[in-house]
Amino acid sequence: MISGDRVYWICHSTIRYIYLQLVSGDIAGLNNIPRTGACILACNHASHLDPPLIGCKVTRKINFFARKTLWKPGFATWWLDTIGTIPVDRDGDSDISAMKRTLKTLKAGGLLTLFPEGTRTLDGNLQNAKPGIGLIAGKSQATVVPCRIFNTFGVLSRDSKFPDFSKPIHMVYGKPLSPEEFDPGRSAGKQRYQIIADSIMTAISKLERPRPEVI
């Protein structure tokens, strides 16, 4: 049987090849992603293209989230489980199972991608962060790398049926944030996780489009 890691890297290589063939644009800051240790890659979310693009040039295995409804009998369930995707119940008030698996992944030194906004933007602009990422970052005390993707909304928005790869996509990975930089601690009370989430979202908003000469 093919191992989960092998399936992941086969898919990674395929997506990377497609990226190189179809996507134009600039990328910067890949060296800001720690090579080892628990890390959260926090990115804005504008398109279905964001998850595969954000990881296609990252040399570490990434664990992603996906809604539970995608786990359907057959190939879909096998593939999602094999590459280590974490199912999330978006219709529930809380998903204890997903939270436990998330914290277990980070405790083991994994790399996790999260979208602080929770869902795709309706107009291409950045949205307010939801406290979910604050809860995960606060409890795990993992390093957070803010990331911003520019123009995936223009390439494939919510209303688009097909992507328009004639438009460039730019990505930038910011400086790593330590817990001391984003977590006010328990003294912040009930607002602690929202404060963390807002701090991470602010870091994302400050990232500027990379200059063409970086690649």
N, C-alpha and C. Protein backbone atom coordinates (compact mmCIF):
# COMPACT_ATOMS: atom_id res chain seq x y z
N MET A 1 0.85 -1.20 0.00
CA MET A 1 0.00 0.00 0.00
C MET A 1 0.88 1.25 0.00
N ILE A 2 0.50 2.24 -0.77
CA ILE A 2 1.25 3.49 -0.84
C ILE A 2 1.09 4.26 0.46
N SER A 3 2.19 4.75 1.02
CA SER A 3 2.13 5.48 2.27
C SER A 3 1.48 6.85 2.08
N GLY A 4 0.98 7.39 3.20
CA GLY A 4 0.35 8.70 3.14
C GLY A 4 1.31 9.78 2.70
N ASP A 5 2.56 9.71 3.18
CA ASP A 5 3.55 10.72 2.79
C ASP A 5 3.81 10.68 1.29
N ARG A 6 3.89 9.46 0.75
CA ARG A 6 4.17 9.34 -0.68
C ARG A 6 3.02 9.91 -1.50
N VAL A 7 1.79 9.62 -1.10
CA VAL A 7 0.63 10.16 -1.81
C VAL A 7 0.64 11.69 -1.75
N TYR A 8 0.95 12.21 -0.56
CA TYR A 8 1.00 13.67 -0.39
C TYR A 8 2.00 14.30 -1.35
N TRP A 9 3.22 13.75 -1.41
CA TRP A 9 4.27 14.36 -2.23
C TRP A 9 4.03 14.16 -3.72
N ILE A 10 3.33 13.10 -4.09
CA ILE A 10 2.94 12.93 -5.49
C ILE A 10 1.96 14.04 -5.88
N CYS A 11 0.98 14.29 -5.00
CA CYS A 11 0.01 15.35 -5.24
C CYS A 11 0.70 16.72 -5.23
N HIS A 12 1.62 16.89 -4.30
CA HIS A 12 2.37 18.14 -4.19
C HIS A 12 3.14 18.43 -5.47
N SER A 13 3.82 17.42 -6.00
CA SER A 13 4.60 17.59 -7.22
C SER A 13 3.71 17.91 -8.41
N THR A 14 2.54 17.29 -8.45
CA THR A 14 1.59 17.53 -9.54
C THR A 14 1.09 18.97 -9.52
N ILE A 15 0.70 19.43 -8.32
CA ILE A 15 0.19 20.79 -8.18
C ILE A 15 1.30 21.80 -8.47
N ARG A 16 2.51 21.50 -8.02
CA ARG A 16 3.65 22.39 -8.29
C ARG A 16 3.90 22.50 -9.79
N TYR A 17 3.79 21.39 -10.51
CA TYR A 17 4.00 21.40 -11.96
C TYR A 17 2.92 22.26 -12.64
N ILE A 18 1.67 22.06 -12.21
CA ILE A 18 0.57 22.84 -12.78
C ILE A 18 0.79 24.33 -12.51
N TYR A 19 1.22 24.63 -11.27
CA TYR A 19 1.49 26.01 -10.90
C TYR A 19 2.52 26.63 -11.84
N LEU A 20 3.61 25.91 -12.05
CA LEU A 20 4.68 26.44 -12.89
C LEU A 20 4.25 26.63 -14.34
N GLN A 21 3.30 25.80 -14.79
CA GLN A 21 2.84 25.88 -16.17
C GLN A 21 1.78 26.95 -16.39
N LEU A 22 0.92 27.16 -15.40
CA LEU A 22 -0.25 28.01 -15.61
C LEU A 22 -0.21 29.36 -14.90
N VAL A 23 0.49 29.43 -13.77
CA VAL A 23 0.40 30.63 -12.93
C VAL A 23 1.61 31.53 -13.12
N SER A 24 1.35 32.80 -13.34
CA SER A 24 2.41 33.79 -13.38
C SER A 24 2.32 34.64 -12.11
N GLY A 25 3.40 35.29 -11.75
CA GLY A 25 3.38 36.11 -10.55
C GLY A 25 4.65 35.95 -9.75
N ASP A 26 4.71 36.63 -8.64
CA ASP A 26 5.91 36.67 -7.81
C ASP A 26 5.66 36.02 -6.46
N ILE A 27 6.71 35.50 -5.86
CA ILE A 27 6.61 34.86 -4.56
C ILE A 27 7.82 35.24 -3.73
N ALA A 28 7.61 35.46 -2.44
CA ALA A 28 8.72 35.87 -1.57
C ALA A 28 8.51 35.33 -0.16
N GLY A 29 9.61 35.15 0.55
CA GLY A 29 9.55 34.81 1.97
C GLY A 29 9.43 33.34 2.31
N LEU A 30 9.64 32.45 1.36
CA LEU A 30 9.54 31.02 1.67
C LEU A 30 10.51 30.61 2.78
N ASN A 31 11.64 31.30 2.85
CA ASN A 31 12.62 30.98 3.89
C ASN A 31 12.16 31.40 5.27
N ASN A 32 11.03 32.09 5.38
CA ASN A 32 10.48 32.47 6.69
C ASN A 32 9.74 31.31 7.36
N ILE A 33 9.47 30.26 6.61
CA ILE A 33 8.77 29.11 7.17
C ILE A 33 9.80 28.22 7.87
N PRO A 34 9.64 28.00 9.18
CA PRO A 34 10.61 27.15 9.90
C PRO A 34 10.69 25.75 9.29
N ARG A 35 11.88 25.20 9.23
CA ARG A 35 12.06 23.88 8.63
C ARG A 35 11.53 22.77 9.53
N THR A 36 11.50 23.02 10.82
CA THR A 36 10.99 22.03 11.77
C THR A 36 10.19 22.72 12.86
N GLY A 37 9.44 21.94 13.62
CA GLY A 37 8.71 22.47 14.76
C GLY A 37 7.28 22.89 14.43
N ALA A 38 6.47 22.97 15.48
CA ALA A 38 5.07 23.34 15.32
C ALA A 38 4.92 24.72 14.71
N CYS A 39 4.12 24.81 13.67
CA CYS A 39 3.96 26.09 12.97
C CYS A 39 2.59 26.17 12.32
N ILE A 40 2.00 27.36 12.40
CA ILE A 40 0.72 27.64 11.75
C ILE A 40 0.97 28.62 10.61
N LEU A 41 0.60 28.23 9.42
CA LEU A 41 0.69 29.11 8.26
C LEU A 41 -0.67 29.78 8.12
N ALA A 42 -0.75 31.06 8.49
CA ALA A 42 -2.02 31.78 8.52
C ALA A 42 -2.16 32.67 7.30
N CYS A 43 -3.19 32.43 6.51
CA CYS A 43 -3.32 33.11 5.21
C CYS A 43 -4.72 33.69 5.00
N ASN A 44 -4.78 34.75 4.22
CA ASN A 44 -6.08 35.29 3.81
C ASN A 44 -6.75 34.29 2.87
N HIS A 45 -8.06 34.43 2.68
CA HIS A 45 -8.79 33.44 1.89
C HIS A 45 -9.75 34.13 0.93
N ALA A 46 -9.46 33.99 -0.37
CA ALA A 46 -10.28 34.64 -1.39
C ALA A 46 -10.80 33.69 -2.46
N SER A 47 -10.27 32.46 -2.51
CA SER A 47 -10.60 31.57 -3.61
C SER A 47 -10.32 30.11 -3.24
N HIS A 48 -10.97 29.20 -3.97
CA HIS A 48 -10.68 27.78 -3.81
C HIS A 48 -9.24 27.45 -4.20
N LEU A 49 -8.60 28.35 -4.91
CA LEU A 49 -7.21 28.13 -5.33
C LEU A 49 -6.22 28.30 -4.18
N ASP A 50 -6.63 28.98 -3.12
CA ASP A 50 -5.69 29.32 -2.05
C ASP A 50 -5.02 28.11 -1.39
N PRO A 51 -5.76 27.08 -0.95
CA PRO A 51 -5.10 25.96 -0.26
C PRO A 51 -4.00 25.27 -1.08
N PRO A 52 -4.27 24.87 -2.34
CA PRO A 52 -3.19 24.21 -3.08
C PRO A 52 -2.03 25.15 -3.42
N LEU A 53 -2.33 26.42 -3.71
CA LEU A 53 -1.26 27.34 -4.08
C LEU A 53 -0.37 27.69 -2.90
N ILE A 54 -0.96 27.84 -1.73
CA ILE A 54 -0.19 28.26 -0.57
C ILE A 54 0.87 27.23 -0.19
N GLY A 55 0.63 25.98 -0.57
CA GLY A 55 1.58 24.94 -0.18
C GLY A 55 2.41 24.36 -1.30
N CYS A 56 2.16 24.79 -2.53
CA CYS A 56 2.80 24.11 -3.67
C CYS A 56 4.31 24.30 -3.72
N LYS A 57 4.84 25.35 -3.08
CA LYS A 57 6.29 25.55 -3.07
C LYS A 57 6.89 25.40 -1.68
N VAL A 58 6.07 24.96 -0.74
CA VAL A 58 6.56 24.73 0.61
C VAL A 58 7.13 23.32 0.68
N THR A 59 8.33 23.18 1.21
CA THR A 59 9.01 21.89 1.20
C THR A 59 8.70 21.02 2.41
N ARG A 60 7.84 21.51 3.30
CA ARG A 60 7.38 20.69 4.43
C ARG A 60 5.97 20.19 4.16
N LYS A 61 5.64 19.05 4.70
CA LYS A 61 4.28 18.54 4.57
C LYS A 61 3.34 19.42 5.37
N ILE A 62 2.21 19.76 4.77
CA ILE A 62 1.22 20.62 5.41
C ILE A 62 -0.05 19.82 5.69
N ASN A 63 -0.63 20.07 6.86
CA ASN A 63 -1.95 19.52 7.17
C ASN A 63 -2.99 20.60 6.91
N PHE A 64 -4.02 20.24 6.16
CA PHE A 64 -5.08 21.17 5.81
C PHE A 64 -6.39 20.80 6.52
N PHE A 65 -7.30 21.77 6.55
CA PHE A 65 -8.66 21.53 7.02
C PHE A 65 -9.59 21.39 5.82
N ALA A 66 -10.68 20.67 6.00
CA ALA A 66 -11.72 20.58 4.97
C ALA A 66 -13.05 20.27 5.66
N ARG A 67 -14.13 20.74 5.10
CA ARG A 67 -15.43 20.49 5.71
C ARG A 67 -15.79 19.00 5.66
N LYS A 68 -16.46 18.53 6.68
CA LYS A 68 -16.76 17.11 6.81
C LYS A 68 -17.59 16.56 5.66
N THR A 69 -18.36 17.42 5.02
CA THR A 69 -19.24 16.96 3.94
C THR A 69 -18.45 16.43 2.74
N LEU A 70 -17.15 16.73 2.67
CA LEU A 70 -16.34 16.24 1.56
C LEU A 70 -15.97 14.77 1.74
N TRP A 71 -16.12 14.26 2.96
CA TRP A 71 -15.82 12.85 3.22
C TRP A 71 -16.99 11.98 2.75
N LYS A 72 -16.90 11.54 1.52
CA LYS A 72 -17.94 10.71 0.92
C LYS A 72 -17.37 9.33 0.60
N PRO A 73 -18.21 8.32 0.58
CA PRO A 73 -17.73 6.95 0.32
C PRO A 73 -16.90 6.87 -0.96
N GLY A 74 -15.81 6.12 -0.89
CA GLY A 74 -14.98 5.94 -2.07
C GLY A 74 -13.67 6.68 -2.01
N PHE A 75 -13.24 7.14 -3.17
CA PHE A 75 -11.91 7.74 -3.33
C PHE A 75 -11.72 8.99 -2.49
N ALA A 76 -12.74 9.84 -2.41
CA ALA A 76 -12.61 11.12 -1.70
C ALA A 76 -12.18 10.92 -0.25
N THR A 77 -12.85 10.01 0.44
CA THR A 77 -12.52 9.74 1.84
C THR A 77 -11.12 9.17 1.97
N TRP A 78 -10.78 8.22 1.11
CA TRP A 78 -9.45 7.62 1.16
C TRP A 78 -8.38 8.67 0.95
N TRP A 79 -8.55 9.53 -0.05
CA TRP A 79 -7.55 10.53 -0.38
C TRP A 79 -7.39 11.56 0.74
N LEU A 80 -8.49 12.08 1.24
CA LEU A 80 -8.44 13.08 2.30
C LEU A 80 -7.78 12.53 3.56
N ASP A 81 -8.12 11.31 3.92
CA ASP A 81 -7.52 10.70 5.11
C ASP A 81 -6.05 10.38 4.89
N THR A 82 -5.71 9.93 3.70
CA THR A 82 -4.34 9.52 3.41
C THR A 82 -3.36 10.68 3.47
N ILE A 83 -3.76 11.85 2.99
CA ILE A 83 -2.83 12.99 2.99
C ILE A 83 -2.89 13.79 4.30
N GLY A 84 -3.71 13.31 5.25
CA GLY A 84 -3.72 13.92 6.58
C GLY A 84 -4.61 15.13 6.73
N THR A 85 -5.67 15.23 5.94
CA THR A 85 -6.60 16.35 6.05
C THR A 85 -7.45 16.21 7.31
N ILE A 86 -7.70 17.32 7.98
CA ILE A 86 -8.48 17.32 9.21
C ILE A 86 -9.92 17.75 8.90
N PRO A 87 -10.91 16.88 9.16
CA PRO A 87 -12.31 17.23 8.88
C PRO A 87 -12.87 18.19 9.93
N VAL A 88 -13.64 19.16 9.47
CA VAL A 88 -14.23 20.16 10.37
C VAL A 88 -15.73 20.25 10.12
N ASP A 89 -16.50 20.27 11.19
CA ASP A 89 -17.94 20.43 11.10
C ASP A 89 -18.27 21.92 11.16
N ARG A 90 -18.45 22.52 10.01
CA ARG A 90 -18.69 23.96 9.97
C ARG A 90 -20.10 24.34 10.43
N ASP A 91 -20.99 23.38 10.52
CA ASP A 91 -22.36 23.68 10.92
C ASP A 91 -22.55 23.63 12.43
N GLY A 92 -21.57 23.06 13.13
CA GLY A 92 -21.66 22.95 14.58
C GLY A 92 -21.05 24.15 15.27
N ASP A 93 -21.45 24.38 16.51
CA ASP A 93 -20.91 25.50 17.27
C ASP A 93 -19.45 25.25 17.63
N SER A 94 -19.11 23.99 17.84
CA SER A 94 -17.71 23.64 18.13
C SER A 94 -17.45 22.23 17.63
N ASP A 95 -16.24 21.96 17.28
CA ASP A 95 -15.86 20.65 16.79
C ASP A 95 -14.70 20.16 17.64
N ILE A 96 -15.03 19.47 18.71
CA ILE A 96 -14.02 19.03 19.68
C ILE A 96 -13.04 18.06 19.03
N SER A 97 -13.56 17.17 18.18
CA SER A 97 -12.71 16.18 17.52
C SER A 97 -11.65 16.86 16.65
N ALA A 98 -12.06 17.85 15.87
CA ALA A 98 -11.12 18.58 15.01
C ALA A 98 -10.10 19.34 15.84
N MET A 99 -10.55 19.93 16.95
CA MET A 99 -9.64 20.67 17.80
C MET A 99 -8.58 19.76 18.41
N LYS A 100 -9.00 18.59 18.89
CA LYS A 100 -8.05 17.65 19.48
C LYS A 100 -7.02 17.19 18.45
N ARG A 101 -7.49 16.91 17.23
CA ARG A 101 -6.58 16.45 16.19
C ARG A 101 -5.63 17.57 15.77
N THR A 102 -6.13 18.78 15.76
CA THR A 102 -5.31 19.93 15.39
C THR A 102 -4.18 20.13 16.40
N LEU A 103 -4.54 20.14 17.68
CA LEU A 103 -3.55 20.34 18.73
C LEU A 103 -2.55 19.17 18.77
N LYS A 104 -3.04 17.96 18.48
CA LYS A 104 -2.15 16.80 18.43
C LYS A 104 -1.14 16.94 17.30
N THR A 105 -1.60 17.44 16.15
CA THR A 105 -0.71 17.66 15.01
C THR A 105 0.38 18.66 15.34
N LEU A 106 -0.01 19.76 15.98
CA LEU A 106 0.97 20.79 16.33
C LEU A 106 1.90 20.32 17.45
N LYS A 107 1.37 19.57 18.40
CA LYS A 107 2.20 19.05 19.48
C LYS A 107 3.29 18.13 18.93
N ALA A 108 2.97 17.44 17.83
CA ALA A 108 3.93 16.54 17.20
C ALA A 108 4.91 17.29 16.31
N GLY A 109 4.80 18.62 16.27
CA GLY A 109 5.73 19.42 15.47
C GLY A 109 5.30 19.61 14.04
N GLY A 110 4.01 19.49 13.75
CA GLY A 110 3.52 19.60 12.39
C GLY A 110 3.33 21.03 11.90
N LEU A 111 3.09 21.15 10.60
CA LEU A 111 2.81 22.44 9.96
C LEU A 111 1.36 22.43 9.51
N LEU A 112 0.63 23.46 9.92
CA LEU A 112 -0.80 23.51 9.68
C LEU A 112 -1.17 24.80 8.96
N THR A 113 -2.03 24.72 7.97
CA THR A 113 -2.52 25.93 7.30
C THR A 113 -3.90 26.30 7.81
N LEU A 114 -4.07 27.55 8.20
CA LEU A 114 -5.35 28.05 8.69
C LEU A 114 -5.69 29.36 7.98
N PHE A 115 -6.99 29.58 7.78
CA PHE A 115 -7.47 30.83 7.20
C PHE A 115 -8.23 31.57 8.30
N PRO A 116 -7.63 32.60 8.90
CA PRO A 116 -8.24 33.32 10.02
C PRO A 116 -9.64 33.85 9.75
N GLU A 117 -9.92 34.20 8.49
CA GLU A 117 -11.23 34.76 8.15
C GLU A 117 -12.33 33.71 8.19
N GLY A 118 -11.95 32.44 8.17
CA GLY A 118 -12.94 31.36 8.29
C GLY A 118 -13.58 30.93 7.00
N THR A 119 -13.78 31.86 6.09
CA THR A 119 -14.41 31.55 4.82
C THR A 119 -13.91 32.51 3.75
N ARG A 120 -14.23 32.21 2.49
CA ARG A 120 -13.74 33.06 1.40
C ARG A 120 -14.41 34.43 1.40
N THR A 121 -13.63 35.44 1.05
CA THR A 121 -14.16 36.79 0.96
C THR A 121 -15.19 36.91 -0.16
N LEU A 122 -16.14 37.80 0.02
CA LEU A 122 -17.18 38.01 -0.99
C LEU A 122 -16.76 39.01 -2.05
N ASP A 123 -15.82 39.88 -1.71
CA ASP A 123 -15.47 40.98 -2.62
C ASP A 123 -13.97 41.10 -2.91
N GLY A 124 -13.18 40.19 -2.40
CA GLY A 124 -11.75 40.25 -2.64
C GLY A 124 -10.97 40.98 -1.56
N ASN A 125 -11.68 41.69 -0.69
CA ASN A 125 -11.01 42.43 0.39
C ASN A 125 -10.80 41.53 1.61
N LEU A 126 -9.84 41.91 2.45
CA LEU A 126 -9.61 41.16 3.68
C LEU A 126 -10.80 41.28 4.61
N GLN A 127 -11.10 40.22 5.34
CA GLN A 127 -12.20 40.21 6.29
C GLN A 127 -11.66 40.20 7.71
N ASN A 128 -12.55 40.38 8.67
CA ASN A 128 -12.15 40.28 10.07
C ASN A 128 -11.84 38.84 10.42
N ALA A 129 -10.91 38.65 11.33
CA ALA A 129 -10.55 37.31 11.77
C ALA A 129 -11.56 36.78 12.77
N LYS A 130 -11.78 35.49 12.74
CA LYS A 130 -12.64 34.83 13.72
C LYS A 130 -11.76 34.24 14.81
N PRO A 131 -12.31 34.04 16.00
CA PRO A 131 -11.48 33.62 17.14
C PRO A 131 -10.91 32.22 17.06
N GLY A 132 -11.36 31.41 16.08
CA GLY A 132 -10.89 30.04 15.98
C GLY A 132 -9.37 29.91 15.91
N ILE A 133 -8.75 30.71 15.06
CA ILE A 133 -7.29 30.63 14.95
C ILE A 133 -6.63 31.11 16.23
N GLY A 134 -7.27 32.04 16.91
CA GLY A 134 -6.74 32.51 18.19
C GLY A 134 -6.74 31.41 19.23
N LEU A 135 -7.79 30.62 19.23
CA LEU A 135 -7.90 29.50 20.16
C LEU A 135 -6.80 28.47 19.89
N ILE A 136 -6.60 28.13 18.62
CA ILE A 136 -5.58 27.14 18.25
C ILE A 136 -4.18 27.66 18.54
N ALA A 137 -3.91 28.90 18.15
CA ALA A 137 -2.58 29.48 18.38
C ALA A 137 -2.30 29.65 19.87
N GLY A 138 -3.33 30.05 20.61
CA GLY A 138 -3.16 30.26 22.05
C GLY A 138 -2.91 28.98 22.80
N LYS A 139 -3.65 27.95 22.49
CA LYS A 139 -3.51 26.68 23.19
C LYS A 139 -2.25 25.93 22.77
N SER A 140 -1.89 26.02 21.51
CA SER A 140 -0.72 25.28 21.02
C SER A 140 0.59 26.01 21.27
N GLN A 141 0.52 27.34 21.36
CA GLN A 141 1.72 28.18 21.48
C GLN A 141 2.70 27.92 20.33
N ALA A 142 2.14 27.63 19.16
CA ALA A 142 2.96 27.38 17.98
C ALA A 142 3.39 28.69 17.34
N THR A 143 4.48 28.63 16.61
CA THR A 143 4.91 29.78 15.81
C THR A 143 3.88 30.01 14.70
N VAL A 144 3.61 31.27 14.39
CA VAL A 144 2.66 31.61 13.32
C VAL A 144 3.40 32.37 12.22
N VAL A 145 3.25 31.90 10.99
CA VAL A 145 3.81 32.60 9.84
C VAL A 145 2.66 33.22 9.05
N PRO A 146 2.52 34.55 9.06
CA PRO A 146 1.46 35.20 8.28
C PRO A 146 1.77 35.09 6.80
N CYS A 147 0.75 34.88 6.01
CA CYS A 147 0.94 34.75 4.57
C CYS A 147 -0.19 35.49 3.87
N ARG A 148 0.13 36.06 2.73
CA ARG A 148 -0.91 36.75 1.96
C ARG A 148 -0.80 36.39 0.49
N ILE A 149 -1.94 36.04 -0.07
CA ILE A 149 -2.03 35.75 -1.51
C ILE A 149 -2.76 36.91 -2.18
N PHE A 150 -2.18 37.42 -3.24
CA PHE A 150 -2.78 38.53 -3.97
C PHE A 150 -3.38 38.04 -5.29
N ASN A 151 -4.66 38.37 -5.50
CA ASN A 151 -5.34 38.23 -6.79
C ASN A 151 -5.93 36.85 -7.11
N THR A 152 -5.99 35.93 -6.15
CA THR A 152 -6.70 34.69 -6.48
C THR A 152 -8.20 34.95 -6.65
N PHE A 153 -8.68 36.02 -6.01
CA PHE A 153 -10.10 36.39 -6.20
C PHE A 153 -10.33 36.79 -7.65
N GLY A 154 -9.37 37.48 -8.24
CA GLY A 154 -9.50 37.88 -9.64
C GLY A 154 -9.38 36.73 -10.60
N VAL A 155 -8.64 35.70 -10.19
CA VAL A 155 -8.47 34.52 -11.05
C VAL A 155 -9.65 33.57 -10.93
N LEU A 156 -10.13 33.36 -9.70
CA LEU A 156 -11.26 32.46 -9.49
C LEU A 156 -12.05 32.92 -8.27
N SER A 157 -13.06 33.76 -8.51
CA SER A 157 -13.89 34.28 -7.43
C SER A 157 -15.00 33.29 -7.11
N ARG A 158 -15.83 33.62 -6.16
CA ARG A 158 -16.96 32.76 -5.79
C ARG A 158 -17.91 32.53 -6.97
N ASP A 159 -18.06 33.53 -7.82
CA ASP A 159 -19.02 33.44 -8.92
C ASP A 159 -18.41 32.88 -10.20
N SER A 160 -17.11 32.65 -10.20
CA SER A 160 -16.45 32.15 -11.41
C SER A 160 -16.61 30.64 -11.54
N LYS A 161 -16.83 30.19 -12.75
CA LYS A 161 -16.92 28.75 -12.99
C LYS A 161 -15.57 28.17 -13.39
N PHE A 162 -14.75 29.00 -14.03
CA PHE A 162 -13.44 28.55 -14.48
C PHE A 162 -12.39 29.61 -14.14
N PRO A 163 -11.17 29.20 -13.79
CA PRO A 163 -10.13 30.16 -13.46
C PRO A 163 -9.58 30.87 -14.69
N ASP A 164 -9.18 32.11 -14.50
CA ASP A 164 -8.58 32.90 -15.57
C ASP A 164 -7.10 33.08 -15.24
N PHE A 165 -6.27 32.17 -15.72
CA PHE A 165 -4.86 32.20 -15.38
C PHE A 165 -4.05 33.22 -16.18
N SER A 166 -4.75 34.04 -16.96
CA SER A 166 -4.04 35.13 -17.63
C SER A 166 -3.69 36.23 -16.63
N LYS A 167 -4.33 36.19 -15.46
CA LYS A 167 -4.07 37.17 -14.41
C LYS A 167 -3.01 36.61 -13.45
N PRO A 168 -2.06 37.42 -13.00
CA PRO A 168 -1.00 36.93 -12.12
C PRO A 168 -1.48 36.71 -10.68
N ILE A 169 -0.81 35.82 -10.00
CA ILE A 169 -1.06 35.57 -8.58
C ILE A 169 0.26 35.77 -7.84
N HIS A 170 0.23 36.56 -6.78
CA HIS A 170 1.44 36.84 -6.01
C HIS A 170 1.28 36.31 -4.59
N MET A 171 2.36 35.78 -4.02
CA MET A 171 2.31 35.25 -2.66
C MET A 171 3.51 35.75 -1.87
N VAL A 172 3.26 36.06 -0.59
CA VAL A 172 4.35 36.48 0.28
C VAL A 172 4.15 35.84 1.65
N TYR A 173 5.24 35.28 2.18
CA TYR A 173 5.25 34.67 3.50
C TYR A 173 6.01 35.61 4.43
N GLY A 174 5.35 36.06 5.48
CA GLY A 174 5.96 37.05 6.36
C GLY A 174 6.88 36.46 7.42
N LYS A 175 7.43 37.33 8.23
CA LYS A 175 8.32 36.92 9.32
C LYS A 175 7.53 36.11 10.36
N PRO A 176 8.14 35.05 10.89
CA PRO A 176 7.46 34.23 11.90
C PRO A 176 7.11 35.04 13.15
N LEU A 177 5.96 34.77 13.73
CA LEU A 177 5.52 35.42 14.96
C LEU A 177 5.60 34.42 16.10
N SER A 178 6.29 34.77 17.16
CA SER A 178 6.35 33.90 18.33
C SER A 178 5.13 34.16 19.20
N PRO A 179 4.75 33.22 20.08
CA PRO A 179 3.59 33.43 20.96
C PRO A 179 3.68 34.73 21.76
N GLU A 180 4.91 35.11 22.13
CA GLU A 180 5.07 36.34 22.91
C GLU A 180 4.64 37.57 22.12
N GLU A 181 4.63 37.47 20.80
CA GLU A 181 4.28 38.61 19.96
C GLU A 181 2.78 38.73 19.72
N PHE A 182 2.04 37.63 19.83
CA PHE A 182 0.60 37.72 19.52
C PHE A 182 -0.32 37.32 20.67
N ASP A 183 0.21 36.71 21.71
CA ASP A 183 -0.65 36.20 22.78
C ASP A 183 -0.53 37.06 24.05
N PRO A 184 -1.60 37.75 24.46
CA PRO A 184 -1.56 38.57 25.67
C PRO A 184 -1.64 37.74 26.95
N GLY A 185 -1.93 36.43 26.81
CA GLY A 185 -2.02 35.57 27.98
C GLY A 185 -3.39 35.55 28.62
N ARG A 186 -3.51 34.77 29.66
CA ARG A 186 -4.81 34.58 30.32
C ARG A 186 -5.36 35.85 30.94
N SER A 187 -4.50 36.82 31.18
CA SER A 187 -4.95 38.08 31.79
C SER A 187 -5.94 38.82 30.90
N ALA A 188 -5.96 38.47 29.61
CA ALA A 188 -6.88 39.12 28.67
C ALA A 188 -8.31 38.60 28.81
N GLY A 189 -8.47 37.54 29.59
CA GLY A 189 -9.82 37.02 29.84
C GLY A 189 -10.47 36.43 28.61
N LYS A 190 -11.78 36.64 28.50
CA LYS A 190 -12.56 36.05 27.42
C LYS A 190 -12.18 36.60 26.04
N GLN A 191 -11.54 37.73 26.01
CA GLN A 191 -11.17 38.34 24.73
C GLN A 191 -9.83 37.83 24.20
N ARG A 192 -9.16 36.98 24.96
CA ARG A 192 -7.81 36.55 24.60
C ARG A 192 -7.72 35.99 23.18
N TYR A 193 -8.60 35.06 22.83
CA TYR A 193 -8.48 34.40 21.53
C TYR A 193 -8.83 35.32 20.37
N GLN A 194 -9.75 36.25 20.60
CA GLN A 194 -10.06 37.22 19.54
C GLN A 194 -8.90 38.19 19.37
N ILE A 195 -8.24 38.56 20.46
CA ILE A 195 -7.08 39.45 20.39
C ILE A 195 -5.96 38.78 19.59
N ILE A 196 -5.73 37.49 19.84
CA ILE A 196 -4.72 36.75 19.10
C ILE A 196 -5.07 36.72 17.61
N ALA A 197 -6.34 36.41 17.32
CA ALA A 197 -6.79 36.34 15.93
C ALA A 197 -6.62 37.67 15.23
N ASP A 198 -6.99 38.76 15.90
CA ASP A 198 -6.86 40.09 15.31
C ASP A 198 -5.39 40.45 15.07
N SER A 199 -4.52 40.05 16.00
CA SER A 199 -3.10 40.32 15.86
C SER A 199 -2.52 39.62 14.64
N ILE A 200 -2.93 38.38 14.45
CA ILE A 200 -2.45 37.61 13.29
C ILE A 200 -2.99 38.21 12.00
N MET A 201 -4.25 38.61 12.00
CA MET A 201 -4.86 39.20 10.80
C MET A 201 -4.20 40.54 10.46
N THR A 202 -3.83 41.28 11.49
CA THR A 202 -3.13 42.55 11.26
C THR A 202 -1.78 42.30 10.59
N ALA A 203 -1.09 41.26 11.04
CA ALA A 203 0.20 40.92 10.43
C ALA A 203 0.03 40.55 8.96
N ILE A 204 -1.05 39.85 8.65
CA ILE A 204 -1.34 39.49 7.25
C ILE A 204 -1.60 40.75 6.43
N SER A 205 -2.39 41.66 6.99
CA SER A 205 -2.77 42.88 6.25
C SER A 205 -1.57 43.78 5.95
N LYS A 206 -0.51 43.66 6.74
CA LYS A 206 0.66 44.51 6.55
C LYS A 206 1.61 43.96 5.49
N LEU A 207 1.38 42.73 5.06
CA LEU A 207 2.25 42.15 4.04
C LEU A 207 1.98 42.80 2.69
N GLU A 208 3.04 43.16 2.00
CA GLU A 208 2.91 43.81 0.69
C GLU A 208 3.27 42.85 -0.42
N ARG A 209 2.73 43.11 -1.58
CA ARG A 209 3.01 42.28 -2.74
C ARG A 209 4.52 42.25 -2.99
N PRO A 210 5.06 41.04 -3.20
CA PRO A 210 6.51 40.92 -3.44
C PRO A 210 6.94 41.61 -4.72
N ARG A 211 8.17 42.09 -4.73
CA ARG A 211 8.70 42.74 -5.92
C ARG A 211 9.08 41.70 -6.97
N PRO A 212 8.96 42.02 -8.23
CA PRO A 212 9.24 41.06 -9.31
C PRO A 212 10.62 40.44 -9.26
N GLU A 213 11.59 41.16 -8.71
CA GLU A 213 12.95 40.65 -8.77
C GLU A 213 13.25 39.54 -7.77
N VAL A 214 12.27 39.18 -6.90
CA VAL A 214 12.56 38.19 -5.87
C VAL A 214 12.65 36.79 -6.45
N ILE A 215 12.15 36.55 -7.67
CA ILE A 215 12.29 35.21 -8.26
C ILE A 215 12.82 35.36 -9.68
